[in-house]
Structure formats: structure tokens, C-alpha cells
N, C-alpha and C. Protein backbone atom coordinates (compact mmCIF):
# COMPACT_ATOMS: atom_id res chain seq x y z
N MET A 1 -33.01 -47.56 -44.61
CA MET A 1 -32.58 -48.87 -44.15
C MET A 1 -32.90 -48.98 -42.66
N LYS A 2 -33.44 -50.12 -42.28
CA LYS A 2 -33.83 -50.35 -40.90
C LYS A 2 -32.68 -51.00 -40.13
N THR A 3 -32.40 -50.46 -38.94
CA THR A 3 -31.32 -51.05 -38.12
C THR A 3 -31.85 -52.27 -37.39
N PRO A 4 -31.02 -53.30 -37.26
CA PRO A 4 -31.44 -54.51 -36.56
C PRO A 4 -31.69 -54.24 -35.08
N ALA A 5 -32.49 -55.07 -34.45
CA ALA A 5 -32.87 -54.89 -33.05
C ALA A 5 -31.67 -54.88 -32.10
N PRO A 6 -30.68 -55.78 -32.25
CA PRO A 6 -29.54 -55.72 -31.31
C PRO A 6 -28.76 -54.42 -31.40
N VAL A 7 -28.63 -53.87 -32.61
CA VAL A 7 -27.91 -52.60 -32.77
C VAL A 7 -28.71 -51.47 -32.13
N ARG A 8 -30.03 -51.48 -32.32
CA ARG A 8 -30.87 -50.46 -31.70
C ARG A 8 -30.78 -50.52 -30.18
N ARG A 9 -30.77 -51.74 -29.64
CA ARG A 9 -30.67 -51.88 -28.18
C ARG A 9 -29.31 -51.40 -27.68
N MET A 10 -28.25 -51.68 -28.43
CA MET A 10 -26.93 -51.21 -28.03
C MET A 10 -26.86 -49.68 -28.04
N LEU A 11 -27.47 -49.05 -29.02
CA LEU A 11 -27.42 -47.60 -29.11
C LEU A 11 -28.22 -46.92 -28.01
N GLN A 12 -29.12 -47.66 -27.36
CA GLN A 12 -29.94 -47.09 -26.29
C GLN A 12 -29.47 -47.51 -24.90
N MET A 13 -28.22 -47.99 -24.78
CA MET A 13 -27.71 -48.42 -23.48
C MET A 13 -27.49 -47.23 -22.55
N CYS A 14 -27.57 -47.49 -21.26
CA CYS A 14 -27.31 -46.45 -20.27
C CYS A 14 -25.79 -46.17 -20.24
N PRO A 15 -25.39 -45.03 -19.68
CA PRO A 15 -23.96 -44.67 -19.67
C PRO A 15 -23.07 -45.70 -18.96
N ALA A 16 -23.56 -46.30 -17.89
CA ALA A 16 -22.74 -47.29 -17.17
C ALA A 16 -22.48 -48.52 -18.05
N ALA A 17 -23.49 -48.94 -18.79
CA ALA A 17 -23.32 -50.10 -19.67
C ALA A 17 -22.35 -49.77 -20.81
N TRP A 18 -22.44 -48.55 -21.35
CA TRP A 18 -21.51 -48.13 -22.41
C TRP A 18 -20.08 -48.12 -21.89
N ARG A 19 -19.91 -47.61 -20.65
CA ARG A 19 -18.58 -47.54 -20.07
C ARG A 19 -17.98 -48.93 -19.92
N ILE A 20 -18.78 -49.87 -19.44
CA ILE A 20 -18.30 -51.25 -19.28
C ILE A 20 -17.95 -51.84 -20.64
N PHE A 21 -18.81 -51.64 -21.63
CA PHE A 21 -18.60 -52.17 -22.97
C PHE A 21 -17.30 -51.64 -23.57
N LEU A 22 -17.10 -50.33 -23.50
CA LEU A 22 -15.90 -49.72 -24.09
C LEU A 22 -14.63 -50.12 -23.35
N ARG A 23 -14.69 -50.19 -22.02
CA ARG A 23 -13.51 -50.58 -21.25
C ARG A 23 -13.13 -52.04 -21.52
N CYS A 24 -14.10 -52.89 -21.68
CA CYS A 24 -13.79 -54.30 -22.00
C CYS A 24 -13.15 -54.41 -23.38
N LEU A 25 -13.66 -53.63 -24.34
CA LEU A 25 -13.04 -53.63 -25.68
C LEU A 25 -11.63 -53.07 -25.64
N GLN A 26 -11.42 -52.02 -24.87
CA GLN A 26 -10.08 -51.45 -24.76
C GLN A 26 -9.12 -52.43 -24.10
N MET A 27 -9.59 -53.11 -23.06
CA MET A 27 -8.72 -54.07 -22.39
C MET A 27 -8.38 -55.22 -23.31
N SER A 28 -9.34 -55.67 -24.11
CA SER A 28 -9.08 -56.75 -25.05
C SER A 28 -8.04 -56.33 -26.08
N CYS A 29 -8.15 -55.13 -26.62
CA CYS A 29 -7.17 -54.64 -27.59
C CYS A 29 -5.79 -54.51 -26.97
N PHE A 30 -5.73 -53.99 -25.74
CA PHE A 30 -4.45 -53.85 -25.05
C PHE A 30 -3.79 -55.21 -24.83
N LEU A 31 -4.57 -56.19 -24.41
CA LEU A 31 -4.01 -57.52 -24.18
C LEU A 31 -3.52 -58.15 -25.48
N LEU A 32 -4.23 -57.93 -26.58
CA LEU A 32 -3.80 -58.48 -27.86
C LEU A 32 -2.52 -57.80 -28.36
N VAL A 33 -2.38 -56.50 -28.12
CA VAL A 33 -1.14 -55.81 -28.50
C VAL A 33 0.02 -56.34 -27.68
N CYS A 34 -0.20 -56.53 -26.38
CA CYS A 34 0.86 -57.09 -25.53
C CYS A 34 1.24 -58.50 -25.98
N ALA A 35 0.25 -59.31 -26.35
CA ALA A 35 0.53 -60.66 -26.83
C ALA A 35 1.34 -60.62 -28.13
N ALA A 36 1.00 -59.68 -29.02
CA ALA A 36 1.76 -59.57 -30.27
C ALA A 36 3.20 -59.14 -30.01
N LEU A 37 3.39 -58.21 -29.08
CA LEU A 37 4.75 -57.79 -28.75
C LEU A 37 5.56 -58.93 -28.14
N LEU A 38 4.92 -59.74 -27.34
CA LEU A 38 5.62 -60.89 -26.77
C LEU A 38 6.00 -61.91 -27.85
N LEU A 39 5.12 -62.08 -28.85
CA LEU A 39 5.45 -62.99 -29.95
C LEU A 39 6.62 -62.46 -30.78
N ILE A 40 6.69 -61.13 -30.91
CA ILE A 40 7.84 -60.55 -31.61
C ILE A 40 9.11 -60.79 -30.80
N ALA A 41 9.03 -60.63 -29.49
CA ALA A 41 10.20 -60.86 -28.63
C ALA A 41 10.55 -62.35 -28.56
N TRP A 42 9.56 -63.21 -28.76
CA TRP A 42 9.77 -64.66 -28.71
C TRP A 42 10.73 -65.10 -29.80
N ASP A 43 10.54 -64.60 -31.00
CA ASP A 43 11.43 -64.81 -32.14
C ASP A 43 11.56 -66.27 -32.54
N GLY A 44 10.60 -67.12 -32.16
CA GLY A 44 10.60 -68.51 -32.60
C GLY A 44 11.62 -69.40 -31.93
N ASP A 45 12.28 -68.92 -30.91
CA ASP A 45 13.31 -69.72 -30.22
C ASP A 45 12.67 -70.47 -29.05
N TYR A 46 12.40 -71.76 -29.25
CA TYR A 46 11.69 -72.55 -28.24
C TYR A 46 12.49 -72.72 -26.95
N ILE A 47 13.76 -72.89 -27.05
CA ILE A 47 14.56 -73.23 -25.88
C ILE A 47 14.74 -72.02 -24.97
N LYS A 48 15.13 -70.88 -25.53
CA LYS A 48 15.44 -69.71 -24.70
C LYS A 48 14.19 -68.95 -24.25
N ASN A 49 13.22 -68.77 -25.13
CA ASN A 49 12.11 -67.85 -24.87
C ASN A 49 10.74 -68.52 -24.90
N PHE A 50 10.65 -69.74 -24.45
CA PHE A 50 9.36 -70.43 -24.48
C PHE A 50 8.37 -69.78 -23.53
N ARG A 51 8.86 -69.17 -22.45
CA ARG A 51 7.96 -68.51 -21.50
C ARG A 51 7.25 -67.32 -22.16
N PHE A 52 7.90 -66.65 -23.14
CA PHE A 52 7.23 -65.57 -23.86
C PHE A 52 6.05 -66.11 -24.66
N PHE A 53 6.25 -67.27 -25.27
CA PHE A 53 5.17 -67.89 -26.04
C PHE A 53 4.02 -68.27 -25.12
N GLN A 54 4.31 -68.84 -23.96
CA GLN A 54 3.26 -69.22 -23.02
C GLN A 54 2.50 -68.00 -22.50
N LEU A 55 3.23 -66.95 -22.19
CA LEU A 55 2.59 -65.73 -21.70
C LEU A 55 1.74 -65.09 -22.80
N SER A 56 2.21 -65.12 -24.02
CA SER A 56 1.43 -64.59 -25.14
C SER A 56 0.14 -65.36 -25.34
N ALA A 57 0.20 -66.68 -25.23
CA ALA A 57 -1.02 -67.49 -25.35
C ALA A 57 -1.99 -67.18 -24.22
N ALA A 58 -1.48 -66.98 -23.02
CA ALA A 58 -2.34 -66.65 -21.88
C ALA A 58 -3.00 -65.28 -22.08
N LEU A 59 -2.25 -64.32 -22.61
CA LEU A 59 -2.82 -62.99 -22.86
C LEU A 59 -3.90 -63.03 -23.94
N GLN A 60 -3.71 -63.88 -24.94
CA GLN A 60 -4.75 -64.03 -25.97
C GLN A 60 -6.02 -64.61 -25.37
N GLU A 61 -5.88 -65.56 -24.47
CA GLU A 61 -7.06 -66.12 -23.81
C GLU A 61 -7.75 -65.09 -22.93
N MET A 62 -6.96 -64.27 -22.25
CA MET A 62 -7.55 -63.21 -21.42
C MET A 62 -8.28 -62.18 -22.27
N ALA A 63 -7.78 -61.92 -23.48
CA ALA A 63 -8.46 -60.99 -24.39
C ALA A 63 -9.82 -61.56 -24.80
N GLN A 64 -9.89 -62.85 -25.02
CA GLN A 64 -11.16 -63.48 -25.35
C GLN A 64 -12.13 -63.41 -24.17
N LEU A 65 -11.60 -63.57 -22.97
CA LEU A 65 -12.43 -63.47 -21.77
C LEU A 65 -12.96 -62.05 -21.60
N SER A 66 -12.14 -61.07 -21.93
CA SER A 66 -12.58 -59.68 -21.86
C SER A 66 -13.70 -59.40 -22.87
N LEU A 67 -13.60 -59.97 -24.06
CA LEU A 67 -14.67 -59.81 -25.04
C LEU A 67 -15.95 -60.49 -24.59
N LEU A 68 -15.82 -61.61 -23.93
CA LEU A 68 -17.00 -62.28 -23.37
C LEU A 68 -17.66 -61.38 -22.33
N GLY A 69 -16.85 -60.73 -21.51
CA GLY A 69 -17.40 -59.78 -20.55
C GLY A 69 -18.08 -58.60 -21.22
N ALA A 70 -17.55 -58.16 -22.36
CA ALA A 70 -18.16 -57.05 -23.10
C ALA A 70 -19.51 -57.44 -23.67
N VAL A 71 -19.73 -58.73 -23.88
CA VAL A 71 -21.01 -59.19 -24.41
C VAL A 71 -22.01 -59.44 -23.28
N ILE A 72 -21.55 -59.95 -22.16
CA ILE A 72 -22.46 -60.37 -21.08
C ILE A 72 -22.79 -59.24 -20.10
N LEU A 73 -21.79 -58.46 -19.69
CA LEU A 73 -21.99 -57.50 -18.60
C LEU A 73 -22.92 -56.32 -18.94
N PRO A 74 -22.81 -55.66 -20.09
CA PRO A 74 -23.69 -54.51 -20.34
C PRO A 74 -25.19 -54.82 -20.30
N PRO A 75 -25.67 -55.92 -20.87
CA PRO A 75 -27.11 -56.20 -20.71
C PRO A 75 -27.51 -56.45 -19.26
N CYS A 76 -26.60 -57.04 -18.47
CA CYS A 76 -26.89 -57.25 -17.05
C CYS A 76 -27.03 -55.91 -16.33
N VAL A 77 -26.14 -54.97 -16.64
CA VAL A 77 -26.22 -53.64 -16.03
C VAL A 77 -27.49 -52.93 -16.48
N GLU A 78 -27.85 -53.09 -17.74
CA GLU A 78 -29.08 -52.49 -18.25
C GLU A 78 -30.30 -53.02 -17.50
N ASP A 79 -30.35 -54.32 -17.27
CA ASP A 79 -31.47 -54.91 -16.56
C ASP A 79 -31.52 -54.42 -15.12
N MET A 80 -30.34 -54.29 -14.48
CA MET A 80 -30.31 -53.77 -13.11
C MET A 80 -30.77 -52.32 -13.05
N ALA A 81 -30.36 -51.53 -14.04
CA ALA A 81 -30.78 -50.12 -14.08
C ALA A 81 -32.27 -50.01 -14.35
N GLY A 82 -32.81 -50.93 -15.15
CA GLY A 82 -34.24 -50.93 -15.43
C GLY A 82 -35.07 -51.30 -14.21
N ARG A 83 -34.57 -52.17 -13.39
CA ARG A 83 -35.28 -52.56 -12.17
C ARG A 83 -35.24 -51.47 -11.12
N ALA A 84 -34.16 -50.68 -11.10
CA ALA A 84 -34.03 -49.64 -10.10
C ALA A 84 -34.96 -48.46 -10.37
N ARG A 85 -35.44 -48.32 -11.59
CA ARG A 85 -36.32 -47.19 -11.94
C ARG A 85 -37.69 -47.38 -11.42
């Protein structure tokens, strides 16, 4: 079975690009876990704990931003490393 071109390119990334990719994924997972814990603490009570709901929504958006960074930053680092050679 032949691997697709994007997967092949990912497997050939330099160590700095891999580090950025993995750290962005880890940060995204951490933010999503924190958002889930806040939703558990929120307990559906709008009046008392609405700030937990707002903070959870903000953390979910930050997790999406971290995933966007995981997609954009490693190829940029790869291109910079390629130019430096």
C-alpha cells in the first residue's frame, strides 16, 4: 500500500517541526480536558456558574487555535530549515 504524499512529508519532518507539531497537539488536548472539567463543574446552573461556561467555551476556541498552529507552523519551520541548508 502506498502512503499519501502529505503523510510521507509529515514523516520526513525535521526534529524542530516535530516538536512544534507534538506540543501543539498536547496543548490542544490539555485545553480540551480543562474545558471538559469546567463543564462538569458548571453543572448546568446558569445563574451561579455562568462564568465556568464562558471560560469553557474560550478554552475550546483556544484548543482549535492550537490545532491551527499545529497545521501551519511545522511546514513553515521546514521551509526555513530548508533555506538555511
